[in-house]
Amino acid sequence: MDYSQILIKPLVSEKSTFLRDGSGQVAFYVSPRANKIEIGRAVEEAFKVKVTQVRVVSHKPLARVRQGRVVGTVAGYKKAYVTLAPGDKIEFFEGV
């Protein structure tokens, strides 16, 4: 797969901002079919950085229940926390 099919979008939240500033980790929403090796290569290719570690978290779809009835579902997703080599950085909002 191409890196544009693996990396869906960066995860920008309070937790991911603290991780990026403190320990050099960056979080992404990734394709549910991608594995750790593919995710690491995609980040290295897309941002020209060195990846040292990849951790993956999968969330399963959930049923939405209202008054005892299932009225829909919340889609599942997969997140990846990528640790970069010391000295490497990815800036998502440069010049904002």
PDB file of N, CA and C in Angstrom:
ATOM      1  N   MET A   1       0.829  -1.186   0.000  1.00  0.00           N
ATOM      2  CA  MET A   1       0.000   0.000   0.000  1.00  0.00           C
ATOM      3  C   MET A   1       0.874   1.251   0.000  1.00  0.00           C
ATOM      4  N   ASP A   2       0.367   2.289  -0.597  1.00  0.00           N
ATOM      5  CA  ASP A   2       1.030   3.581  -0.613  1.00  0.00           C
ATOM      6  C   ASP A   2       0.809   4.272   0.735  1.00  0.00           C
ATOM      7  N   TYR A   3       1.738   5.170   1.122  1.00  0.00           N
ATOM      8  CA  TYR A   3       1.612   5.813   2.436  1.00  0.00           C
ATOM      9  C   TYR A   3       0.353   6.667   2.531  1.00  0.00           C
ATOM     10  N   SER A   4      -0.163   7.163   1.417  1.00  0.00           N
ATOM     11  CA  SER A   4      -1.387   7.956   1.476  1.00  0.00           C
ATOM     12  C   SER A   4      -2.608   7.089   1.771  1.00  0.00           C
ATOM     13  N   GLN A   5      -2.513   5.782   1.543  1.00  0.00           N
ATOM     14  CA  GLN A   5      -3.601   4.874   1.878  1.00  0.00           C
ATOM     15  C   GLN A   5      -3.481   4.372   3.317  1.00  0.00           C
ATOM     16  N   ILE A   6      -2.283   4.417   3.894  1.00  0.00           N
ATOM     17  CA  ILE A   6      -2.063   3.923   5.255  1.00  0.00           C
ATOM     18  C   ILE A   6      -2.365   5.013   6.285  1.00  0.00           C
ATOM     19  N   LEU A   7      -1.782   6.199   6.106  1.00  0.00           N
ATOM     20  CA  LEU A   7      -1.982   7.308   7.046  1.00  0.00           C
ATOM     21  C   LEU A   7      -3.237   8.071   6.655  1.00  0.00           C
ATOM     22  N   ILE A   8      -4.256   8.022   7.496  1.00  0.00           N
ATOM     23  CA  ILE A   8      -5.513   8.702   7.181  1.00  0.00           C
ATOM     24  C   ILE A   8      -5.426  10.179   7.539  1.00  0.00           C
ATOM     25  N   LYS A   9      -5.097  10.466   8.825  1.00  0.00           N
ATOM     26  CA  LYS A   9      -4.930  11.859   9.243  1.00  0.00           C
ATOM     27  C   LYS A   9      -4.218  11.873  10.585  1.00  0.00           C
ATOM     28  N   PRO A  10      -3.561  12.982  10.916  1.00  0.00           N
ATOM     29  CA  PRO A  10      -2.922  13.076  12.233  1.00  0.00           C
ATOM     30  C   PRO A  10      -3.973  13.249  13.323  1.00  0.00           C
ATOM     31  N   LEU A  11      -3.675  12.717  14.473  1.00  0.00           N
ATOM     32  CA  LEU A  11      -4.552  12.841  15.632  1.00  0.00           C
ATOM     33  C   LEU A  11      -4.065  14.026  16.450  1.00  0.00           C
ATOM     34  N   VAL A  12      -4.853  15.096  16.464  1.00  0.00           N
ATOM     35  CA  VAL A  12      -4.478  16.305  17.185  1.00  0.00           C
ATOM     36  C   VAL A  12      -5.422  16.448  18.367  1.00  0.00           C
ATOM     37  N   SER A  13      -4.907  16.161  19.557  1.00  0.00           N
ATOM     38  CA  SER A  13      -5.669  16.278  20.785  1.00  0.00           C
ATOM     39  C   SER A  13      -4.719  16.748  21.883  1.00  0.00           C
ATOM     40  N   GLU A  14      -5.254  16.950  23.060  1.00  0.00           N
ATOM     41  CA  GLU A  14      -4.423  17.398  24.168  1.00  0.00           C
ATOM     42  C   GLU A  14      -3.387  16.330  24.530  1.00  0.00           C
ATOM     43  N   LYS A  15      -3.810  15.084  24.568  1.00  0.00           N
ATOM     44  CA  LYS A  15      -2.893  13.989  24.894  1.00  0.00           C
ATOM     45  C   LYS A  15      -1.794  13.851  23.838  1.00  0.00           C
ATOM     46  N   SER A  16      -2.156  13.907  22.561  1.00  0.00           N
ATOM     47  CA  SER A  16      -1.139  13.748  21.521  1.00  0.00           C
ATOM     48  C   SER A  16      -0.180  14.936  21.479  1.00  0.00           C
ATOM     49  N   THR A  17      -0.643  16.118  21.853  1.00  0.00           N
ATOM     50  CA  THR A  17       0.237  17.286  21.912  1.00  0.00           C
ATOM     51  C   THR A  17       1.259  17.130  23.032  1.00  0.00           C
ATOM     52  N   PHE A  18       0.826  16.644  24.201  1.00  0.00           N
ATOM     53  CA  PHE A  18       1.765  16.397  25.301  1.00  0.00           C
ATOM     54  C   PHE A  18       2.781  15.323  24.924  1.00  0.00           C
ATOM     55  N   LEU A  19       2.340  14.277  24.234  1.00  0.00           N
ATOM     56  CA  LEU A  19       3.257  13.215  23.812  1.00  0.00           C
ATOM     57  C   LEU A  19       4.279  13.732  22.806  1.00  0.00           C
ATOM     58  N   ARG A  20       3.824  14.570  21.876  1.00  0.00           N
ATOM     59  CA  ARG A  20       4.732  15.113  20.862  1.00  0.00           C
ATOM     60  C   ARG A  20       5.786  16.009  21.502  1.00  0.00           C
ATOM     61  N   ASP A  21       5.369  16.859  22.443  1.00  0.00           N
ATOM     62  CA  ASP A  21       6.309  17.771  23.080  1.00  0.00           C
ATOM     63  C   ASP A  21       7.219  17.061  24.074  1.00  0.00           C
ATOM     64  N   GLY A  22       6.683  16.098  24.814  1.00  0.00           N
ATOM     65  CA  GLY A  22       7.441  15.461  25.885  1.00  0.00           C
ATOM     66  C   GLY A  22       8.330  14.326  25.432  1.00  0.00           C
ATOM     67  N   SER A  23       7.777  13.358  24.711  1.00  0.00           N
ATOM     68  CA  SER A  23       8.546  12.147  24.410  1.00  0.00           C
ATOM     69  C   SER A  23       8.791  11.912  22.932  1.00  0.00           C
ATOM     70  N   GLY A  24       8.459  12.852  22.084  1.00  0.00           N
ATOM     71  CA  GLY A  24       8.749  12.714  20.660  1.00  0.00           C
ATOM     72  C   GLY A  24       7.862  11.706  19.952  1.00  0.00           C
ATOM     73  N   GLN A  25       6.619  11.541  20.423  1.00  0.00           N
ATOM     74  CA  GLN A  25       5.682  10.635  19.780  1.00  0.00           C
ATOM     75  C   GLN A  25       4.647  11.440  18.997  1.00  0.00           C
ATOM     76  N   VAL A  26       4.214  10.861  17.865  1.00  0.00           N
ATOM     77  CA  VAL A  26       3.199  11.480  17.036  1.00  0.00           C
ATOM     78  C   VAL A  26       2.086  10.461  16.845  1.00  0.00           C
ATOM     79  N   ALA A  27       0.822  10.900  16.882  1.00  0.00           N
ATOM     80  CA  ALA A  27      -0.316   9.995  16.759  1.00  0.00           C
ATOM     81  C   ALA A  27      -1.013  10.208  15.416  1.00  0.00           C
ATOM     82  N   PHE A  28      -1.455   9.106  14.808  1.00  0.00           N
ATOM     83  CA  PHE A  28      -2.152   9.135  13.529  1.00  0.00           C
ATOM     84  C   PHE A  28      -3.348   8.194  13.580  1.00  0.00           C
ATOM     85  N   TYR A  29      -4.417   8.547  12.848  1.00  0.00           N
ATOM     86  CA  TYR A  29      -5.436   7.576  12.498  1.00  0.00           C
ATOM     87  C   TYR A  29      -4.894   6.840  11.280  1.00  0.00           C
ATOM     88  N   VAL A  30      -4.957   5.509  11.300  1.00  0.00           N
ATOM     89  CA  VAL A  30      -4.381   4.720  10.211  1.00  0.00           C
ATOM     90  C   VAL A  30      -5.424   3.750   9.666  1.00  0.00           C
ATOM     91  N   SER A  31      -5.099   3.155   8.534  1.00  0.00           N
ATOM     92  CA  SER A  31      -5.973   2.169   7.912  1.00  0.00           C
ATOM     93  C   SER A  31      -6.109   0.952   8.817  1.00  0.00           C
ATOM     94  N   PRO A  32      -7.308   0.400   8.945  1.00  0.00           N
ATOM     95  CA  PRO A  32      -7.492  -0.774   9.807  1.00  0.00           C
ATOM     96  C   PRO A  32      -6.735  -2.010   9.322  1.00  0.00           C
ATOM     97  N   ARG A  33      -6.343  -2.039   8.050  1.00  0.00           N
ATOM     98  CA  ARG A  33      -5.637  -3.202   7.514  1.00  0.00           C
ATOM     99  C   ARG A  33      -4.124  -3.064   7.591  1.00  0.00           C
ATOM    100  N   ALA A  34      -3.603  -1.931   8.028  1.00  0.00           N
ATOM    101  CA  ALA A  34      -2.158  -1.701   8.075  1.00  0.00           C
ATOM    102  C   ALA A  34      -1.553  -2.316   9.334  1.00  0.00           C
ATOM    103  N   ASN A  35      -0.319  -2.830   9.206  1.00  0.00           N
ATOM    104  CA  ASN A  35       0.374  -3.363  10.380  1.00  0.00           C
ATOM    105  C   ASN A  35       1.472  -2.388  10.809  1.00  0.00           C
ATOM    106  N   LYS A  36       2.190  -2.719  11.890  1.00  0.00           N
ATOM    107  CA  LYS A  36       3.186  -1.809  12.453  1.00  0.00           C
ATOM    108  C   LYS A  36       4.314  -1.500  11.466  1.00  0.00           C
ATOM    109  N   ILE A  37       4.766  -2.487  10.743  1.00  0.00           N
ATOM    110  CA  ILE A  37       5.878  -2.287   9.806  1.00  0.00           C
ATOM    111  C   ILE A  37       5.461  -1.332   8.698  1.00  0.00           C
ATOM    112  N   GLU A  38       4.266  -1.525   8.142  1.00  0.00           N
ATOM    113  CA  GLU A  38       3.782  -0.645   7.084  1.00  0.00           C
ATOM    114  C   GLU A  38       3.574   0.785   7.595  1.00  0.00           C
ATOM    115  N   ILE A  39       3.081   0.926   8.812  1.00  0.00           N
ATOM    116  CA  ILE A  39       2.862   2.254   9.384  1.00  0.00           C
ATOM    117  C   ILE A  39       4.187   2.981   9.575  1.00  0.00           C
ATOM    118  N   GLY A  40       5.194   2.299  10.108  1.00  0.00           N
ATOM    119  CA  GLY A  40       6.506   2.910  10.293  1.00  0.00           C
ATOM    120  C   GLY A  40       7.131   3.350   8.983  1.00  0.00           C
ATOM    121  N   ARG A  41       7.055   2.505   7.972  1.00  0.00           N
ATOM    122  CA  ARG A  41       7.608   2.864   6.646  1.00  0.00           C
ATOM    123  C   ARG A  41       6.850   4.028   6.026  1.00  0.00           C
ATOM    124  N   ALA A  42       5.525   4.069   6.223  1.00  0.00           N
ATOM    125  CA  ALA A  42       4.725   5.154   5.656  1.00  0.00           C
ATOM    126  C   ALA A  42       5.097   6.494   6.286  1.00  0.00           C
ATOM    127  N   VAL A  43       5.296   6.527   7.603  1.00  0.00           N
ATOM    128  CA  VAL A  43       5.687   7.768   8.278  1.00  0.00           C
ATOM    129  C   VAL A  43       7.078   8.201   7.825  1.00  0.00           C
ATOM    130  N   GLU A  44       8.012   7.256   7.713  1.00  0.00           N
ATOM    131  CA  GLU A  44       9.360   7.593   7.254  1.00  0.00           C
ATOM    132  C   GLU A  44       9.343   8.146   5.836  1.00  0.00           C
ATOM    133  N   GLU A  45       8.533   7.559   4.962  1.00  0.00           N
ATOM    134  CA  GLU A  45       8.465   8.007   3.572  1.00  0.00           C
ATOM    135  C   GLU A  45       7.768   9.354   3.437  1.00  0.00           C
ATOM    136  N   ALA A  46       6.692   9.551   4.199  1.00  0.00           N
ATOM    137  CA  ALA A  46       5.903  10.773   4.062  1.00  0.00           C
ATOM    138  C   ALA A  46       6.596  11.989   4.662  1.00  0.00           C
ATOM    139  N   PHE A  47       7.268  11.823   5.817  1.00  0.00           N
ATOM    140  CA  PHE A  47       7.805  12.969   6.538  1.00  0.00           C
ATOM    141  C   PHE A  47       9.328  13.016   6.597  1.00  0.00           C
ATOM    142  N   LYS A  48      10.011  12.034   6.003  1.00  0.00           N
ATOM    143  CA  LYS A  48      11.486  11.996   5.965  1.00  0.00           C
ATOM    144  C   LYS A  48      12.094  12.063   7.362  1.00  0.00           C
ATOM    145  N   VAL A  49      11.588  11.202   8.257  1.00  0.00           N
ATOM    146  CA  VAL A  49      12.100  11.091   9.617  1.00  0.00           C
ATOM    147  C   VAL A  49      12.447   9.636   9.887  1.00  0.00           C
ATOM    148  N   LYS A  50      13.126   9.383  11.007  1.00  0.00           N
ATOM    149  CA  LYS A  50      13.481   8.031  11.417  1.00  0.00           C
ATOM    150  C   LYS A  50      12.529   7.585  12.522  1.00  0.00           C
ATOM    151  N   VAL A  51      11.876   6.444  12.325  1.00  0.00           N
ATOM    152  CA  VAL A  51      10.930   5.901  13.295  1.00  0.00           C
ATOM    153  C   VAL A  51      11.632   4.831  14.117  1.00  0.00           C
ATOM    154  N   THR A  52      11.501   4.914  15.456  1.00  0.00           N
ATOM    155  CA  THR A  52      12.116   3.920  16.322  1.00  0.00           C
ATOM    156  C   THR A  52      11.119   2.908  16.869  1.00  0.00           C
ATOM    157  N   GLN A  53       9.844   3.310  17.041  1.00  0.00           N
ATOM    158  CA  GLN A  53       8.853   2.408  17.621  1.00  0.00           C
ATOM    159  C   GLN A  53       7.456   2.794  17.152  1.00  0.00           C
ATOM    160  N   VAL A  54       6.608   1.781  16.970  1.00  0.00           N
ATOM    161  CA  VAL A  54       5.210   2.001  16.588  1.00  0.00           C
ATOM    162  C   VAL A  54       4.326   1.201  17.533  1.00  0.00           C
ATOM    163  N   ARG A  55       3.339   1.855  18.125  1.00  0.00           N
ATOM    164  CA  ARG A  55       2.345   1.189  18.961  1.00  0.00           C
ATOM    165  C   ARG A  55       0.972   1.435  18.345  1.00  0.00           C
ATOM    166  N   VAL A  56       0.149   0.387  18.323  1.00  0.00           N
ATOM    167  CA  VAL A  56      -1.136   0.453  17.641  1.00  0.00           C
ATOM    168  C   VAL A  56      -2.266   0.176  18.623  1.00  0.00           C
ATOM    169  N   VAL A  57      -3.353   0.960  18.498  1.00  0.00           N
ATOM    170  CA  VAL A  57      -4.544   0.788  19.319  1.00  0.00           C
ATOM    171  C   VAL A  57      -5.733   0.651  18.370  1.00  0.00           C
ATOM    172  N   SER A  58      -6.508  -0.432  18.518  1.00  0.00           N
ATOM    173  CA  SER A  58      -7.696  -0.655  17.687  1.00  0.00           C
ATOM    174  C   SER A  58      -8.953  -0.489  18.528  1.00  0.00           C
ATOM    175  N   HIS A  59      -9.909   0.247  17.993  1.00  0.00           N
ATOM    176  CA  HIS A  59     -11.199   0.426  18.650  1.00  0.00           C
ATOM    177  C   HIS A  59     -12.260  -0.241  17.790  1.00  0.00           C
ATOM    178  N   LYS A  60     -13.037  -1.116  18.381  1.00  0.00           N
ATOM    179  CA  LYS A  60     -14.073  -1.837  17.655  1.00  0.00           C
ATOM    180  C   LYS A  60     -15.320  -0.968  17.522  1.00  0.00           C
ATOM    181  N   PRO A  61     -16.154  -1.249  16.525  1.00  0.00           N
ATOM    182  CA  PRO A  61     -17.411  -0.512  16.395  1.00  0.00           C
ATOM    183  C   PRO A  61     -18.316  -0.741  17.606  1.00  0.00           C
ATOM    184  N   LEU A  62     -19.058   0.278  17.976  1.00  0.00           N
ATOM    185  CA  LEU A  62     -19.963   0.206  19.118  1.00  0.00           C
ATOM    186  C   LEU A  62     -21.400   0.420  18.664  1.00  0.00           C
ATOM    187  N   ALA A  63     -22.328  -0.244  19.329  1.00  0.00           N
ATOM    188  CA  ALA A  63     -23.746  -0.042  19.052  1.00  0.00           C
ATOM    189  C   ALA A  63     -24.246   1.154  19.845  1.00  0.00           C
ATOM    190  N   ARG A  64     -25.053   1.991  19.215  1.00  0.00           N
ATOM    191  CA  ARG A  64     -25.673   3.120  19.905  1.00  0.00           C
ATOM    192  C   ARG A  64     -27.053   2.679  20.370  1.00  0.00           C
ATOM    193  N   VAL A  65     -27.276   2.773  21.660  1.00  0.00           N
ATOM    194  CA  VAL A  65     -28.522   2.298  22.247  1.00  0.00           C
ATOM    195  C   VAL A  65     -29.281   3.479  22.842  1.00  0.00           C
ATOM    196  N   ARG A  66     -30.552   3.593  22.477  1.00  0.00           N
ATOM    197  CA  ARG A  66     -31.429   4.619  23.037  1.00  0.00           C
ATOM    198  C   ARG A  66     -32.702   3.940  23.518  1.00  0.00           C
ATOM    199  N   GLN A  67     -33.042   4.108  24.749  1.00  0.00           N
ATOM    200  CA  GLN A  67     -34.240   3.552  25.364  1.00  0.00           C
ATOM    201  C   GLN A  67     -34.345   2.047  25.136  1.00  0.00           C
ATOM    202  N   GLY A  68     -33.201   1.366  25.242  1.00  0.00           N
ATOM    203  CA  GLY A  68     -33.183  -0.076  25.129  1.00  0.00           C
ATOM    204  C   GLY A  68     -33.151  -0.623  23.717  1.00  0.00           C
ATOM    205  N   ARG A  69     -33.117   0.237  22.703  1.00  0.00           N
ATOM    206  CA  ARG A  69     -33.105  -0.214  21.308  1.00  0.00           C
ATOM    207  C   ARG A  69     -31.824   0.227  20.637  1.00  0.00           C
ATOM    208  N   VAL A  70     -31.316  -0.595  19.757  1.00  0.00           N
ATOM    209  CA  VAL A  70     -30.134  -0.245  18.974  1.00  0.00           C
ATOM    210  C   VAL A  70     -30.590   0.649  17.828  1.00  0.00           C
ATOM    211  N   VAL A  71     -30.059   1.877  17.776  1.00  0.00           N
ATOM    212  CA  VAL A  71     -30.479   2.841  16.759  1.00  0.00           C
ATOM    213  C   VAL A  71     -29.378   3.125  15.738  1.00  0.00           C
ATOM    214  N   GLY A  72     -28.211   2.547  15.917  1.00  0.00           N
ATOM    215  CA  GLY A  72     -27.130   2.775  14.968  1.00  0.00           C
ATOM    216  C   GLY A  72     -25.819   2.256  15.513  1.00  0.00           C
ATOM    217  N   THR A  73     -24.750   2.588  14.820  1.00  0.00           N
ATOM    218  CA  THR A  73     -23.427   2.164  15.267  1.00  0.00           C
ATOM    219  C   THR A  73     -22.457   3.328  15.166  1.00  0.00           C
ATOM    220  N   VAL A  74     -21.408   3.263  15.973  1.00  0.00           N
ATOM    221  CA  VAL A  74     -20.297   4.198  15.900  1.00  0.00           C
ATOM    222  C   VAL A  74     -19.161   3.425  15.254  1.00  0.00           C
ATOM    223  N   ALA A  75     -18.596   3.969  14.210  1.00  0.00           N
ATOM    224  CA  ALA A  75     -17.576   3.267  13.442  1.00  0.00           C
ATOM    225  C   ALA A  75     -16.328   2.997  14.280  1.00  0.00           C
ATOM    226  N   GLY A  76     -15.675   1.884  14.007  1.00  0.00           N
ATOM    227  CA  GLY A  76     -14.410   1.565  14.652  1.00  0.00           C
ATOM    228  C   GLY A  76     -13.267   2.263  13.930  1.00  0.00           C
ATOM    229  N   TYR A  77     -12.117   2.331  14.582  1.00  0.00           N
ATOM    230  CA  TYR A  77     -10.955   2.972  13.981  1.00  0.00           C
ATOM    231  C   TYR A  77      -9.685   2.394  14.572  1.00  0.00           C
ATOM    232  N   LYS A  78      -8.554   2.771  13.992  1.00  0.00           N
ATOM    233  CA  LYS A  78      -7.254   2.299  14.446  1.00  0.00           C
ATOM    234  C   LYS A  78      -6.324   3.501  14.564  1.00  0.00           C
ATOM    235  N   LYS A  79      -5.631   3.600  15.722  1.00  0.00           N
ATOM    236  CA  LYS A  79      -4.682   4.682  15.960  1.00  0.00           C
ATOM    237  C   LYS A  79      -3.281   4.103  16.063  1.00  0.00           C
ATOM    238  N   ALA A  80      -2.296   4.904  15.680  1.00  0.00           N
ATOM    239  CA  ALA A  80      -0.899   4.497  15.828  1.00  0.00           C
ATOM    240  C   ALA A  80      -0.140   5.610  16.530  1.00  0.00           C
ATOM    241  N   TYR A  81       0.609   5.233  17.573  1.00  0.00           N
ATOM    242  CA  TYR A  81       1.508   6.160  18.256  1.00  0.00           C
ATOM    243  C   TYR A  81       2.917   5.836  17.776  1.00  0.00           C
ATOM    244  N   VAL A  82       3.527   6.773  17.057  1.00  0.00           N
ATOM    245  CA  VAL A  82       4.824   6.568  16.422  1.00  0.00           C
ATOM    246  C   VAL A  82       5.873   7.347  17.197  1.00  0.00           C
ATOM    247  N   THR A  83       6.922   6.655  17.666  1.00  0.00           N
ATOM    248  CA  THR A  83       8.026   7.298  18.360  1.00  0.00           C
ATOM    249  C   THR A  83       9.109   7.623  17.344  1.00  0.00           C
ATOM    250  N   LEU A  84       9.536   8.880  17.327  1.00  0.00           N
ATOM    251  CA  LEU A  84      10.557   9.333  16.386  1.00  0.00           C
ATOM    252  C   LEU A  84      11.935   9.283  17.033  1.00  0.00           C
ATOM    253  N   ALA A  85      12.967   9.204  16.206  1.00  0.00           N
ATOM    254  CA  ALA A  85      14.338   9.210  16.691  1.00  0.00           C
ATOM    255  C   ALA A  85      14.640  10.569  17.324  1.00  0.00           C
ATOM    256  N   PRO A  86      15.565  10.606  18.290  1.00  0.00           N
ATOM    257  CA  PRO A  86      15.925  11.885  18.907  1.00  0.00           C
ATOM    258  C   PRO A  86      16.408  12.886  17.855  1.00  0.00           C
ATOM    259  N   GLY A  87      15.877  14.097  17.928  1.00  0.00           N
ATOM    260  CA  GLY A  87      16.252  15.139  16.985  1.00  0.00           C
ATOM    261  C   GLY A  87      15.289  15.292  15.821  1.00  0.00           C
ATOM    262  N   ASP A  88      14.457  14.288  15.549  1.00  0.00           N
ATOM    263  CA  ASP A  88      13.479  14.373  14.471  1.00  0.00           C
ATOM    264  C   ASP A  88      12.172  14.964  14.992  1.00  0.00           C
ATOM    265  N   LYS A  89      11.478  15.723  14.158  1.00  0.00           N
ATOM    266  CA  LYS A  89      10.231  16.381  14.522  1.00  0.00           C
ATOM    267  C   LYS A  89       9.302  16.405  13.336  1.00  0.00           C
ATOM    268  N   ILE A  90       8.011  16.343  13.594  1.00  0.00           N
ATOM    269  CA  ILE A  90       6.996  16.538  12.576  1.00  0.00           C
ATOM    270  C   ILE A  90       6.126  17.698  13.048  1.00  0.00           C
ATOM    271  N   GLU A  91       6.063  18.764  12.274  1.00  0.00           N
ATOM    272  CA  GLU A  91       5.245  19.919  12.603  1.00  0.00           C
ATOM    273  C   GLU A  91       4.034  19.935  11.669  1.00  0.00           C
ATOM    274  N   PHE A  92       2.828  19.836  12.237  1.00  0.00           N
ATOM    275  CA  PHE A  92       1.619  19.823  11.447  1.00  0.00           C
ATOM    276  C   PHE A  92       1.126  21.227  11.131  1.00  0.00           C
ATOM    277  N   PHE A  93       1.361  22.185  12.020  1.00  0.00           N
ATOM    278  CA  PHE A  93       0.840  23.529  11.855  1.00  0.00           C
ATOM    279  C   PHE A  93       1.972  24.545  11.803  1.00  0.00           C
ATOM    280  N   GLU A  94       2.781  24.478  10.758  1.00  0.00           N
ATOM    281  CA  GLU A  94       3.888  25.418  10.622  1.00  0.00           C
ATOM    282  C   GLU A  94       3.363  26.744  10.092  1.00  0.00           C
ATOM    283  N   GLY A  95       3.733  27.834  10.728  1.00  0.00           N
ATOM    284  CA  GLY A  95       3.376  29.159  10.266  1.00  0.00           C
ATOM    285  C   GLY A  95       1.932  29.560  10.539  1.00  0.00           C
ATOM    286  N   VAL A  96       1.263  28.882  11.460  1.00  0.00           N
ATOM    287  CA  VAL A  96      -0.132  29.240  11.750  1.00  0.00           C
ATOM    288  C   VAL A  96      -0.152  30.243  12.870  1.00  0.00           C
TER     289      VAL A  96
END
